[in-house]
C-alpha atoms as a PDB file:
ATOM      1  CA  UNK A   1      -0.003   0.004   0.061  1.00  0.00           C
ATOM      2  CA  UNK A   2       1.218   3.439  -0.847  1.00  0.00           C
ATOM      3  CA  UNK A   3       2.294   5.165   2.515  1.00  0.00           C
ATOM      4  CA  UNK A   4       0.200   7.994   3.875  1.00  0.00           C
ATOM      5  CA  UNK A   5       1.383  10.455   6.456  1.00  0.00           C
ATOM      6  CA  UNK A   6      -0.257  10.645   9.909  1.00  0.00           C
ATOM      7  CA  UNK A   7      -1.548  13.964   9.224  1.00  0.00           C
ATOM      8  CA  UNK A   8      -3.160  12.960   6.001  1.00  0.00           C
ATOM      9  CA  UNK A   9      -4.621   9.859   7.630  1.00  0.00           C
ATOM     10  CA  UNK A  10      -6.213  11.967  10.287  1.00  0.00           C
ATOM     11  CA  UNK A  11      -7.433  14.771   8.233  1.00  0.00           C
ATOM     12  CA  UNK A  12     -11.191  15.259   7.983  1.00  0.00           C
ATOM     13  CA  UNK A  13     -12.400  14.561   4.499  1.00  0.00           C
ATOM     14  CA  UNK A  14     -14.059  17.944   4.359  1.00  0.00           C
ATOM     15  CA  UNK A  15     -10.654  19.630   4.490  1.00  0.00           C
ATOM     16  CA  UNK A  16      -9.215  17.975   1.502  1.00  0.00           C
ATOM     17  CA  UNK A  17      -9.318  19.130  -2.098  1.00  0.00           C
ATOM     18  CA  UNK A  18     -10.788  17.063  -4.889  1.00  0.00           C
ATOM     19  CA  UNK A  19      -7.386  15.535  -5.876  1.00  0.00           C
ATOM     20  CA  UNK A  20      -6.404  14.499  -2.349  1.00  0.00           C
ATOM     21  CA  UNK A  21      -9.841  13.069  -1.588  1.00  0.00           C
ATOM     22  CA  UNK A  22      -9.794  11.095  -4.773  1.00  0.00           C
ATOM     23  CA  UNK A  23      -6.450   9.571  -3.715  1.00  0.00           C
ATOM     24  CA  UNK A  24      -7.950   8.848  -0.281  1.00  0.00           C
ATOM     25  CA  UNK A  25     -10.555   6.591  -2.040  1.00  0.00           C
ATOM     26  CA  UNK A  26      -8.302   5.071  -4.803  1.00  0.00           C
ATOM     27  CA  UNK A  27      -8.167   1.426  -3.538  1.00  0.00           C
ATOM     28  CA  UNK A  28      -6.640   0.069  -6.816  1.00  0.00           C
ATOM     29  CA  UNK A  29      -3.844   2.527  -6.662  1.00  0.00           C
ATOM     30  CA  UNK A  30      -3.107   1.781  -3.106  1.00  0.00           C
ATOM     31  CA  UNK A  31      -2.711  -1.880  -3.669  1.00  0.00           C
ATOM     32  CA  UNK A  32       0.115  -2.845  -5.928  1.00  0.00           C
ATOM     33  CA  UNK A  33      -1.174  -6.393  -6.915  1.00  0.00           C
ATOM     34  CA  UNK A  34      -4.872  -5.276  -7.203  1.00  0.00           C
ATOM     35  CA  UNK A  35      -4.958  -6.068 -10.981  1.00  0.00           C
ATOM     36  CA  UNK A  36      -3.317  -9.498 -10.529  1.00  0.00           C
ATOM     37  CA  UNK A  37      -5.822 -10.478  -7.828  1.00  0.00           C
ATOM     38  CA  UNK A  38      -8.871  -9.496 -10.039  1.00  0.00           C
ATOM     39  CA  UNK A  39      -7.336 -11.550 -12.874  1.00  0.00           C
ATOM     40  CA  UNK A  40      -6.849 -14.580 -10.641  1.00  0.00           C
ATOM     41  CA  UNK A  41     -10.389 -14.256  -9.335  1.00  0.00           C
ATOM     42  CA  UNK A  42     -11.681 -14.106 -12.894  1.00  0.00           C
ATOM     43  CA  UNK A  43      -9.741 -17.303 -13.769  1.00  0.00           C
ATOM     44  CA  UNK A  44     -10.975 -19.217 -10.711  1.00  0.00           C
ATOM     45  CA  UNK A  45     -14.557 -17.903 -11.394  1.00  0.00           C
ATOM     46  CA  UNK A  46     -14.492 -19.088 -15.059  1.00  0.00           C
ATOM     47  CA  UNK A  47     -13.543 -22.588 -13.912  1.00  0.00           C
ATOM     48  CA  UNK A  48     -16.323 -22.633 -11.309  1.00  0.00           C
ATOM     49  CA  UNK A  49     -18.936 -21.352 -13.767  1.00  0.00           C
ATOM     50  CA  UNK A  50     -17.826 -24.100 -16.390  1.00  0.00           C
ATOM     51  CA  UNK A  51     -18.778 -26.841 -13.951  1.00  0.00           C
ATOM     52  CA  UNK A  52     -22.234 -28.483 -14.488  1.00  0.00           C
ATOM     53  CA  UNK A  53     -25.186 -28.061 -12.048  1.00  0.00           C
ATOM     54  CA  UNK A  54     -25.241 -24.274 -11.773  1.00  0.00           C
ATOM     55  CA  UNK A  55     -28.037 -22.009 -13.166  1.00  0.00           C
ATOM     56  CA  UNK A  56     -26.429 -19.000 -14.916  1.00  0.00           C
ATOM     57  CA  UNK A  57     -27.771 -15.748 -16.094  1.00  0.00           C
ATOM     58  CA  UNK A  58     -31.292 -15.821 -14.525  1.00  0.00           C
ATOM     59  CA  UNK A  59     -32.951 -12.535 -15.695  1.00  0.00           C
ATOM     60  CA  UNK A  60     -34.496 -10.142 -13.184  1.00  0.00           C
ATOM     61  CA  UNK A  61     -34.594  -6.961 -15.317  1.00  0.00           C
ATOM     62  CA  UNK A  62     -34.398  -5.733 -18.751  1.00  0.00           C
ATOM     63  CA  UNK A  63     -30.673  -5.004 -18.961  1.00  0.00           C
ATOM     64  CA  UNK A  64     -27.950  -7.431 -20.187  1.00  0.00           C
ATOM     65  CA  UNK A  65     -26.421  -7.242 -16.694  1.00  0.00           C
ATOM     66  CA  UNK A  66     -29.601  -7.695 -14.830  1.00  0.00           C
ATOM     67  CA  UNK A  67     -28.853 -11.350 -14.230  1.00  0.00           C
ATOM     68  CA  UNK A  68     -28.163 -13.689 -11.443  1.00  0.00           C
ATOM     69  CA  UNK A  69     -25.906 -16.774 -11.333  1.00  0.00           C
ATOM     70  CA  UNK A  70     -27.024 -19.391  -8.767  1.00  0.00           C
ATOM     71  CA  UNK A  71     -24.770 -21.942  -7.305  1.00  0.00           C
ATOM     72  CA  UNK A  72     -26.252 -24.800  -5.391  1.00  0.00           C
ATOM     73  CA  UNK A  73     -24.430 -26.700  -2.553  1.00  0.00           C
ATOM     74  CA  UNK A  74     -26.594 -29.708  -2.876  1.00  0.00           C
ATOM     75  CA  UNK A  75     -28.045 -29.473   0.558  1.00  0.00           C
ATOM     76  CA  UNK A  76     -31.921 -29.568   0.694  1.00  0.00           C
ATOM     77  CA  UNK A  77     -33.394 -26.278   1.938  1.00  0.00           C
ATOM     78  CA  UNK A  78     -29.931 -24.759   2.339  1.00  0.00           C
ATOM     79  CA  UNK A  79     -29.750 -21.045   3.304  1.00  0.00           C
ATOM     80  CA  UNK A  80     -28.944 -18.629   0.587  1.00  0.00           C
ATOM     81  CA  UNK A  81     -26.081 -16.057   0.344  1.00  0.00           C
ATOM     82  CA  UNK A  82     -26.448 -13.432  -2.316  1.00  0.00           C
ATOM     83  CA  UNK A  83     -23.115 -11.688  -3.180  1.00  0.00           C
ATOM     84  CA  UNK A  84     -22.772  -8.244  -4.798  1.00  0.00           C
ATOM     85  CA  UNK A  85     -19.548  -7.378  -6.498  1.00  0.00           C
ATOM     86  CA  UNK A  86     -17.609  -3.996  -6.159  1.00  0.00           C
ATOM     87  CA  UNK A  87     -15.886  -1.624  -8.510  1.00  0.00           C
ATOM     88  CA  UNK A  88     -17.161   1.697  -7.344  1.00  0.00           C
ATOM     89  CA  UNK A  89     -20.516   0.997  -9.038  1.00  0.00           C
ATOM     90  CA  UNK A  90     -18.932   1.469 -12.396  1.00  0.00           C
ATOM     91  CA  UNK A  91     -16.502  -1.526 -13.000  1.00  0.00           C
ATOM     92  CA  UNK A  92     -16.385  -5.272 -12.888  1.00  0.00           C
ATOM     93  CA  UNK A  93     -19.059  -7.822 -13.430  1.00  0.00           C
ATOM     94  CA  UNK A  94     -20.562 -10.893 -11.511  1.00  0.00           C
ATOM     95  CA  UNK A  95     -18.941 -13.357 -13.740  1.00  0.00           C
ATOM     96  CA  UNK A  96     -15.418 -12.410 -12.251  1.00  0.00           C
ATOM     97  CA  UNK A  97     -16.527 -13.099  -8.704  1.00  0.00           C
ATOM     98  CA  UNK A  98     -18.040 -16.494  -8.877  1.00  0.00           C
ATOM     99  CA  UNK A  99     -15.189 -17.891  -6.965  1.00  0.00           C
ATOM    100  CA  UNK A 100     -16.582 -15.982  -3.949  1.00  0.00           C
ATOM    101  CA  UNK A 101     -19.009 -18.830  -3.748  1.00  0.00           C
ATOM    102  CA  UNK A 102     -16.447 -21.493  -2.996  1.00  0.00           C
ATOM    103  CA  UNK A 103     -16.199 -21.043   0.784  1.00  0.00           C
ATOM    104  CA  UNK A 104     -19.998 -20.704   1.242  1.00  0.00           C
ATOM    105  CA  UNK A 105     -20.745 -23.888  -0.814  1.00  0.00           C
ATOM    106  CA  UNK A 106     -18.355 -25.804   1.366  1.00  0.00           C
ATOM    107  CA  UNK A 107     -20.344 -24.552   4.311  1.00  0.00           C
ATOM    108  CA  UNK A 108     -23.602 -25.729   3.043  1.00  0.00           C
ATOM    109  CA  UNK A 109     -24.952 -22.570   1.543  1.00  0.00           C
ATOM    110  CA  UNK A 110     -26.473 -21.916  -1.801  1.00  0.00           C
ATOM    111  CA  UNK A 111     -24.926 -18.745  -3.395  1.00  0.00           C
ATOM    112  CA  UNK A 112     -26.356 -16.174  -5.740  1.00  0.00           C
ATOM    113  CA  UNK A 113     -24.060 -13.766  -7.647  1.00  0.00           C
ATOM    114  CA  UNK A 114     -25.991 -10.655  -8.567  1.00  0.00           C
ATOM    115  CA  UNK A 115     -25.022  -8.482 -11.528  1.00  0.00           C
ATOM    116  CA  UNK A 116     -26.249  -4.913 -12.191  1.00  0.00           C
ATOM    117  CA  UNK A 117     -25.954  -2.170 -14.793  1.00  0.00           C
ATOM    118  CA  UNK A 118     -22.958   0.047 -14.137  1.00  0.00           C
ATOM    119  CA  UNK A 119     -22.702   3.811 -13.961  1.00  0.00           C
ATOM    120  CA  UNK A 120     -22.924   5.997 -15.826  1.00  0.00           C
ATOM    121  CA  UNK A 121     -25.379   3.939 -17.848  1.00  0.00           C
ATOM    122  CA  UNK A 122     -27.385   3.526 -14.634  1.00  0.00           C
ATOM    123  CA  UNK A 123     -27.793   6.005 -11.780  1.00  0.00           C
ATOM    124  CA  UNK A 124     -27.013   4.965  -8.246  1.00  0.00           C
ATOM    125  CA  UNK A 125     -30.710   5.001  -7.439  1.00  0.00           C
ATOM    126  CA  UNK A 126     -31.380   2.613 -10.346  1.00  0.00           C
ATOM    127  CA  UNK A 127     -28.480   0.274  -9.155  1.00  0.00           C
ATOM    128  CA  UNK A 128     -29.865   0.090  -5.584  1.00  0.00           C
ATOM    129  CA  UNK A 129     -33.340  -0.431  -6.939  1.00  0.00           C
ATOM    130  CA  UNK A 130     -31.915  -3.287  -9.246  1.00  0.00           C
ATOM    131  CA  UNK A 131     -30.499  -5.084  -6.141  1.00  0.00           C
ATOM    132  CA  UNK A 132     -33.787  -5.015  -4.471  1.00  0.00           C
ATOM    133  CA  UNK A 133     -35.434  -6.471  -7.611  1.00  0.00           C
ATOM    134  CA  UNK A 134     -32.831  -9.172  -7.807  1.00  0.00           C
ATOM    135  CA  UNK A 135     -33.535 -10.254  -4.091  1.00  0.00           C
ATOM    136  CA  UNK A 136     -37.321 -10.234  -4.853  1.00  0.00           C
ATOM    137  CA  UNK A 137     -36.795 -12.640  -7.762  1.00  0.00           C
ATOM    138  CA  UNK A 138     -34.669 -14.937  -5.655  1.00  0.00           C
ATOM    139  CA  UNK A 139     -37.580 -15.052  -3.077  1.00  0.00           C
ATOM    140  CA  UNK A 140     -40.093 -15.792  -5.946  1.00  0.00           C
ATOM    141  CA  UNK A 141     -37.973 -18.579  -7.196  1.00  0.00           C
ATOM    142  CA  UNK A 142     -37.730 -20.118  -3.779  1.00  0.00           C
ATOM    143  CA  UNK A 143     -41.484 -20.113  -3.311  1.00  0.00           C
ATOM    144  CA  UNK A 144     -41.922 -21.629  -6.780  1.00  0.00           C
ATOM    145  CA  UNK A 145     -39.440 -24.286  -5.925  1.00  0.00           C
ATOM    146  CA  UNK A 146     -41.295 -25.200  -2.699  1.00  0.00           C
ATOM    147  CA  UNK A 147     -38.441 -23.822  -0.481  1.00  0.00           C
ATOM    148  CA  UNK A 148     -40.649 -21.301   1.361  1.00  0.00           C
ATOM    149  CA  UNK A 149     -38.785 -18.381   3.026  1.00  0.00           C
ATOM    150  CA  UNK A 150     -35.261 -19.759   3.712  1.00  0.00           C
ATOM    151  CA  UNK A 151     -32.703 -17.492   5.434  1.00  0.00           C
ATOM    152  CA  UNK A 152     -31.021 -15.093   3.086  1.00  0.00           C
ATOM    153  CA  UNK A 153     -27.773 -13.344   3.812  1.00  0.00           C
ATOM    154  CA  UNK A 154     -26.789 -10.407   1.533  1.00  0.00           C
ATOM    155  CA  UNK A 155     -23.026  -9.914   1.399  1.00  0.00           C
ATOM    156  CA  UNK A 156     -21.051  -7.401  -0.723  1.00  0.00           C
ATOM    157  CA  UNK A 157     -17.595  -6.088  -1.161  1.00  0.00           C
ATOM    158  CA  UNK A 158     -16.572  -2.374  -1.720  1.00  0.00           C
ATOM    159  CA  UNK A 159     -19.356  -0.807  -3.708  1.00  0.00           C
ATOM    160  CA  UNK A 160     -21.223  -4.162  -3.236  1.00  0.00           C
ATOM    161  CA  UNK A 161     -20.775  -3.599   0.589  1.00  0.00           C
ATOM    162  CA  UNK A 162     -22.775  -0.330   0.158  1.00  0.00           C
ATOM    163  CA  UNK A 163     -25.506  -2.070  -1.805  1.00  0.00           C
ATOM    164  CA  UNK A 164     -25.726  -5.001   0.708  1.00  0.00           C
ATOM    165  CA  UNK A 165     -26.187  -2.404   3.576  1.00  0.00           C
ATOM    166  CA  UNK A 166     -28.974  -0.708   1.628  1.00  0.00           C
ATOM    167  CA  UNK A 167     -30.669  -3.931   1.033  1.00  0.00           C
ATOM    168  CA  UNK A 168     -30.948  -4.611   4.818  1.00  0.00           C
ATOM    169  CA  UNK A 169     -33.697  -2.022   4.929  1.00  0.00           C
ATOM    170  CA  UNK A 170     -35.868  -4.245   2.674  1.00  0.00           C
ATOM    171  CA  UNK A 171     -37.924  -7.186   3.512  1.00  0.00           C
ATOM    172  CA  UNK A 172     -35.934  -9.776   1.690  1.00  0.00           C
ATOM    173  CA  UNK A 173     -32.722  -9.849   3.707  1.00  0.00           C
ATOM    174  CA  UNK A 174     -32.472 -11.681   7.041  1.00  0.00           C
ATOM    175  CA  UNK A 175     -28.743 -10.594   7.677  1.00  0.00           C
ATOM    176  CA  UNK A 176     -25.869  -8.877   6.041  1.00  0.00           C
ATOM    177  CA  UNK A 177     -22.164  -8.956   5.553  1.00  0.00           C
ATOM    178  CA  UNK A 178     -20.694  -5.581   4.287  1.00  0.00           C
ATOM    179  CA  UNK A 179     -16.990  -5.907   3.407  1.00  0.00           C
ATOM    180  CA  UNK A 180     -14.836  -2.779   2.854  1.00  0.00           C
ATOM    181  CA  UNK A 181     -17.875  -0.840   1.988  1.00  0.00           C
ATOM    182  CA  UNK A 182     -18.851   2.735   1.391  1.00  0.00           C
ATOM    183  CA  UNK A 183     -21.516   3.969   3.790  1.00  0.00           C
ATOM    184  CA  UNK A 184     -21.478   7.792   3.406  1.00  0.00           C
ATOM    185  CA  UNK A 185     -21.696   9.130  -0.102  1.00  0.00           C
ATOM    186  CA  UNK A 186     -20.877  12.713   0.737  1.00  0.00           C
ATOM    187  CA  UNK A 187     -17.219  12.311   0.414  1.00  0.00           C
ATOM    188  CA  UNK A 188     -17.547  10.285  -2.840  1.00  0.00           C
ATOM    189  CA  UNK A 189     -19.367  13.131  -4.390  1.00  0.00           C
ATOM    190  CA  UNK A 190     -16.280  15.226  -4.042  1.00  0.00           C
ATOM    191  CA  UNK A 191     -13.921  12.806  -5.784  1.00  0.00           C
ATOM    192  CA  UNK A 192     -13.287  11.829  -9.444  1.00  0.00           C
ATOM    193  CA  UNK A 193     -15.593   8.849  -8.843  1.00  0.00           C
ATOM    194  CA  UNK A 194     -18.596  11.215  -9.176  1.00  0.00           C
ATOM    195  CA  UNK A 195     -17.825  12.029 -12.819  1.00  0.00           C
ATOM    196  CA  UNK A 196     -19.646   8.713 -13.628  1.00  0.00           C
ATOM    197  CA  UNK A 197     -21.980   8.540 -10.647  1.00  0.00           C
ATOM    198  CA  UNK A 198     -23.317  12.153 -10.855  1.00  0.00           C
ATOM    199  CA  UNK A 199     -24.718  11.949  -7.416  1.00  0.00           C
ATOM    200  CA  UNK A 200     -27.567  14.238  -6.577  1.00  0.00           C
ATOM    201  CA  UNK A 201     -28.056  15.753  -3.048  1.00  0.00           C
ATOM    202  CA  UNK A 202     -31.108  13.485  -2.649  1.00  0.00           C
ATOM    203  CA  UNK A 203     -29.143  10.454  -3.491  1.00  0.00           C
ATOM    204  CA  UNK A 204     -26.415  11.472  -0.964  1.00  0.00           C
ATOM    205  CA  UNK A 205     -29.043  11.608   1.667  1.00  0.00           C
ATOM    206  CA  UNK A 206     -31.295   8.702   0.837  1.00  0.00           C
ATOM    207  CA  UNK A 207     -28.545   6.242  -0.485  1.00  0.00           C
ATOM    208  CA  UNK A 208     -25.992   6.668   2.338  1.00  0.00           C
ATOM    209  CA  UNK A 209     -26.548   3.786   4.720  1.00  0.00           C
ATOM    210  CA  UNK A 210     -25.190   5.685   7.633  1.00  0.00           C
ATOM    211  CA  UNK A 211     -28.151   8.122   7.279  1.00  0.00           C
ATOM    212  CA  UNK A 212     -30.688   5.133   7.009  1.00  0.00           C
ATOM    213  CA  UNK A 213     -30.328   3.338  10.434  1.00  0.00           C
ATOM    214  CA  UNK A 214     -34.022   2.440  10.549  1.00  0.00           C
ATOM    215  CA  UNK A 215     -35.379   0.142  13.244  1.00  0.00           C
ATOM    216  CA  UNK A 216     -36.245  -2.570  10.772  1.00  0.00           C
ATOM    217  CA  UNK A 217     -32.839  -3.049   9.520  1.00  0.00           C
ATOM    218  CA  UNK A 218     -31.530  -6.612   9.648  1.00  0.00           C
ATOM    219  CA  UNK A 219     -28.457  -7.711  11.638  1.00  0.00           C
ATOM    220  CA  UNK A 220     -25.125  -6.750  10.041  1.00  0.00           C
ATOM    221  CA  UNK A 221     -21.402  -7.573  10.189  1.00  0.00           C
ATOM    222  CA  UNK A 222     -19.314  -4.664   9.057  1.00  0.00           C
ATOM    223  CA  UNK A 223     -15.802  -5.819   8.056  1.00  0.00           C
ATOM    224  CA  UNK A 224     -12.709  -4.115   6.678  1.00  0.00           C
ATOM    225  CA  UNK A 225      -8.950  -4.800   6.533  1.00  0.00           C
ATOM    226  CA  UNK A 226      -6.319  -3.379   8.843  1.00  0.00           C
ATOM    227  CA  UNK A 227      -4.213  -2.267   5.931  1.00  0.00           C
ATOM    228  CA  UNK A 228      -7.178  -0.500   4.038  1.00  0.00           C
ATOM    229  CA  UNK A 229      -6.911   3.119   3.202  1.00  0.00           C
ATOM    230  CA  UNK A 230      -7.834   5.252   6.310  1.00  0.00           C
ATOM    231  CA  UNK A 231     -11.021   6.545   4.619  1.00  0.00           C
ATOM    232  CA  UNK A 232     -12.279   3.092   4.134  1.00  0.00           C
ATOM    233  CA  UNK A 233     -11.522   2.027   7.732  1.00  0.00           C
ATOM    234  CA  UNK A 234     -13.130   5.242   8.981  1.00  0.00           C
ATOM    235  CA  UNK A 235     -16.326   4.637   6.834  1.00  0.00           C
ATOM    236  CA  UNK A 236     -16.737   1.170   8.345  1.00  0.00           C
ATOM    237  CA  UNK A 237     -16.008   2.285  11.923  1.00  0.00           C
ATOM    238  CA  UNK A 238     -18.430   5.274  11.727  1.00  0.00           C
ATOM    239  CA  UNK A 239     -21.186   3.268  10.102  1.00  0.00           C
ATOM    240  CA  UNK A 240     -20.958   0.491  12.626  1.00  0.00           C
ATOM    241  CA  UNK A 241     -21.006   2.972  15.470  1.00  0.00           C
ATOM    242  CA  UNK A 242     -24.128   4.697  13.949  1.00  0.00           C
ATOM    243  CA  UNK A 243     -25.988   1.496  13.754  1.00  0.00           C
ATOM    244  CA  UNK A 244     -25.104   0.443  17.374  1.00  0.00           C
ATOM    245  CA  UNK A 245     -26.126   3.825  18.586  1.00  0.00           C
ATOM    246  CA  UNK A 246     -29.447   3.214  16.795  1.00  0.00           C
ATOM    247  CA  UNK A 247     -29.844   0.036  18.656  1.00  0.00           C
ATOM    248  CA  UNK A 248     -29.337  -2.228  15.704  1.00  0.00           C
ATOM    249  CA  UNK A 249     -27.592  -5.538  15.903  1.00  0.00           C
ATOM    250  CA  UNK A 250     -24.118  -4.785  14.463  1.00  0.00           C
ATOM    251  CA  UNK A 251     -20.739  -6.353  14.760  1.00  0.00           C
ATOM    252  CA  UNK A 252     -17.657  -4.659  13.519  1.00  0.00           C
ATOM    253  CA  UNK A 253     -14.353  -6.456  12.704  1.00  0.00           C
ATOM    254  CA  UNK A 254     -11.001  -5.562  11.224  1.00  0.00           C
ATOM    255  CA  UNK A 255      -8.929  -8.196   9.744  1.00  0.00           C
ATOM    256  CA  UNK A 256      -5.206  -7.670  10.575  1.00  0.00           C
ATOM    257  CA  UNK A 257      -2.982  -7.425   7.596  1.00  0.00           C
ATOM    258  CA  UNK A 258      -5.753  -7.448   5.104  1.00  0.00           C
ATOM    259  CA  UNK A 259      -5.945  -4.756   2.328  1.00  0.00           C
ATOM    260  CA  UNK A 260      -8.862  -3.824   0.149  1.00  0.00           C
ATOM    261  CA  UNK A 261      -8.402  -6.810  -2.203  1.00  0.00           C
ATOM    262  CA  UNK A 262      -6.619  -9.453   0.033  1.00  0.00           C
ATOM    263  CA  UNK A 263      -9.495  -9.279   2.467  1.00  0.00           C
ATOM    264  CA  UNK A 264     -11.643 -11.378   0.028  1.00  0.00           C
ATOM    265  CA  UNK A 265      -9.395 -14.313   0.529  1.00  0.00           C
ATOM    266  CA  UNK A 266     -11.013 -14.684   3.921  1.00  0.00           C
ATOM    267  CA  UNK A 267     -14.270 -15.009   2.123  1.00  0.00           C
ATOM    268  CA  UNK A 268     -13.295 -17.404  -0.642  1.00  0.00           C
ATOM    269  CA  UNK A 269     -11.534 -20.091   1.554  1.00  0.00           C
ATOM    270  CA  UNK A 270     -13.857 -22.273   3.686  1.00  0.00           C
ATOM    271  CA  UNK A 271     -11.727 -21.720   6.710  1.00  0.00           C
ATOM    272  CA  UNK A 272     -11.435 -17.982   6.192  1.00  0.00           C
ATOM    273  CA  UNK A 273     -12.865 -15.715   8.797  1.00  0.00           C
ATOM    274  CA  UNK A 274     -15.366 -13.988   6.668  1.00  0.00           C
ATOM    275  CA  UNK A 275     -16.523 -17.406   5.221  1.00  0.00           C
ATOM    276  CA  UNK A 276     -17.143 -18.617   8.755  1.00  0.00           C
ATOM    277  CA  UNK A 277     -18.965 -15.368   9.698  1.00  0.00           C
ATOM    278  CA  UNK A 278     -21.222 -15.715   6.691  1.00  0.00           C
ATOM    279  CA  UNK A 279     -22.021 -19.331   7.650  1.00  0.00           C
ATOM    280  CA  UNK A 280     -22.926 -18.214  11.170  1.00  0.00           C
ATOM    281  CA  UNK A 281     -25.234 -15.480   9.784  1.00  0.00           C
ATOM    282  CA  UNK A 282     -26.928 -18.008   7.531  1.00  0.00           C
ATOM    283  CA  UNK A 283     -27.564 -20.313  10.538  1.00  0.00           C
ATOM    284  CA  UNK A 284     -28.717 -17.830  12.976  1.00  0.00           C
END
């Protein structure tokens, strides 16, 4: 990770100019092997998707990315984990993250990978709505298959962590795991990420999970890496504290030595800490 001075680490985001704040959220630039990790995940995901027995590209909306990949563990009436990929709402695709299912399948969970239209083709409001639509389709499919209402855990990484947190306000999710997420959009609106997002003041208010700590929100584990950028760690810390203050069931963890990308290895491997946490959430 690119070193950051103590003064820069502790500076309030409101005091930074656009260039400095953009660097403070540049996860790819901060992790030297980020591109290599993404490429390795894509290769592992391609191999998993090529195996028989999966149901790929289930449509839930009109766009070509409005698709769900469903991986079954083979256990009758298994809990379901829905994973939402990251990429600051404007990069990546579900196909490159299928390997995130490996650890959960080993723990006896079925896994759904949710794709979504990216910015700037879609607004963040439309992206958030799409995730809700995907979760509703998963519930409808379960009813049609005679599974009833099985436990559904929504998990996401980076931008997907933001979308997973938003989904907890809806009726479909029973629990959530938000990994290295963004929970306050106000700083993002002042970075170069906003060139594609074009966030409105209303979206900053209504789509920032830290401003939506409603009593009906489902239990959540907020996770980040000890070697993440300070702004990412602050976002997770502040969001967890806000939920706890609102009386919502929340657990905050920080994985020592993990950066924004290596943290997902703890989700992929069955013995990884995040894979075990997800299994516990699915069985609660």
